[in-house]
């Protein structure tokens, strides 16, 4: 079945009209480069964009309202849909908020399993972002390269929890399963090959001269703009702001692990351009590999620990709590209010894609149409984080 990707409206203008040089393009909601069911209403003068306005809401499913109709534990599978590309982080955000609300302590082994599962998921999410961004601007080969590594990650996570996309792995108080026998060694062997592959990935695409010229100095976001607009995660760090909740907030067992926080340096253009946003994610994959090696070694120090903490007989908390974690797309926060019932009185998620989407309209004027595709891809937005 054919699908219209772009539609054009000249507003009834004829030759000689004041609007003769302006077109309105509807990009999406099924354009592959919008990375989900997103629509942009674009005003252009030829190939130059005058304005690109996001039109969101096509994926709204009232997930937060569902959180107020399910029990605290029963809502966990729904959190996978907050970010289906990196669902482990949404699991952890909800679990952490509930644990803070109810005063539940998570065993050390479960904390390490959370870190391991999340860092694997971070690599898998970034592989999609990097491969799709390269393909969006015309380089097809890096995408299957990235998908190949993501398939290995999916295989590992499937062995861990039985699912490949929407995991439902974390639990309030811990995790649902311990890692299988021999699983840690398999992950380490894969890491031995993954780290050299990222060097090859740089040669293939990151440091490719055509790719650099395509992205360097495009849609520059300064550090002040990034902070003013509320950007988080790789999008914030690409602008030179060294802010990572794994370091700044020190949650879970991250303070016990040694890793760096990559930031944009303007290596081939200006700090905060599209290339910096791409390459920060490349470097984060390497840092996640370092974290995984350490966590897989340190978890052996807690072989007898439970994977689930002691839970109250009835989860009927009274009060409110906010927890936030460093997702693949940055600061993901979860706010929950309890009023003594088995369901939350209020559940609310704060995600990185929503604020990134708001900035596209501000950064699009003056870009070429083809550069808008690069801008959208560089922010790594995912539709369910925008429409909840």
Foldseek 3Di string as FASTA:
>chain_A
DDDDQKDWDQPPDDPPDPSPQKIWIWGACPHVLLQHRKIWTFIDRVQFTAFTDIDFAPPFDPLFVVLQVDFLQRSLLSLCLLFQLQSLQSSVQSLVFLCVLQVFDAWQLLLLVSLLLNLLSLLLLLLCLLQSLCVLLPRNVSNVVSVVLSVVSQVLLCQFQNGRTRGSFAGNFGGDGDHDPPSLVVLLVSLVVVVVVLVVVCVVALVDPVNCVLWAPALAQALVNCVVLVAFDLLNQQNVDQDFCCPVVVPRPSVVADFGQHHHDSPPHHRRILSSLSVSSSVSNVRSSRSSVVSSVCSVVPVPDDRGTDDDPASQGAAKGKDWHQHSLGTKMWIFGGHRDSGTPGIDIQGNLQSLSVCLRVRRGRDGPSSSSSSSSSSSHHRSNNRD
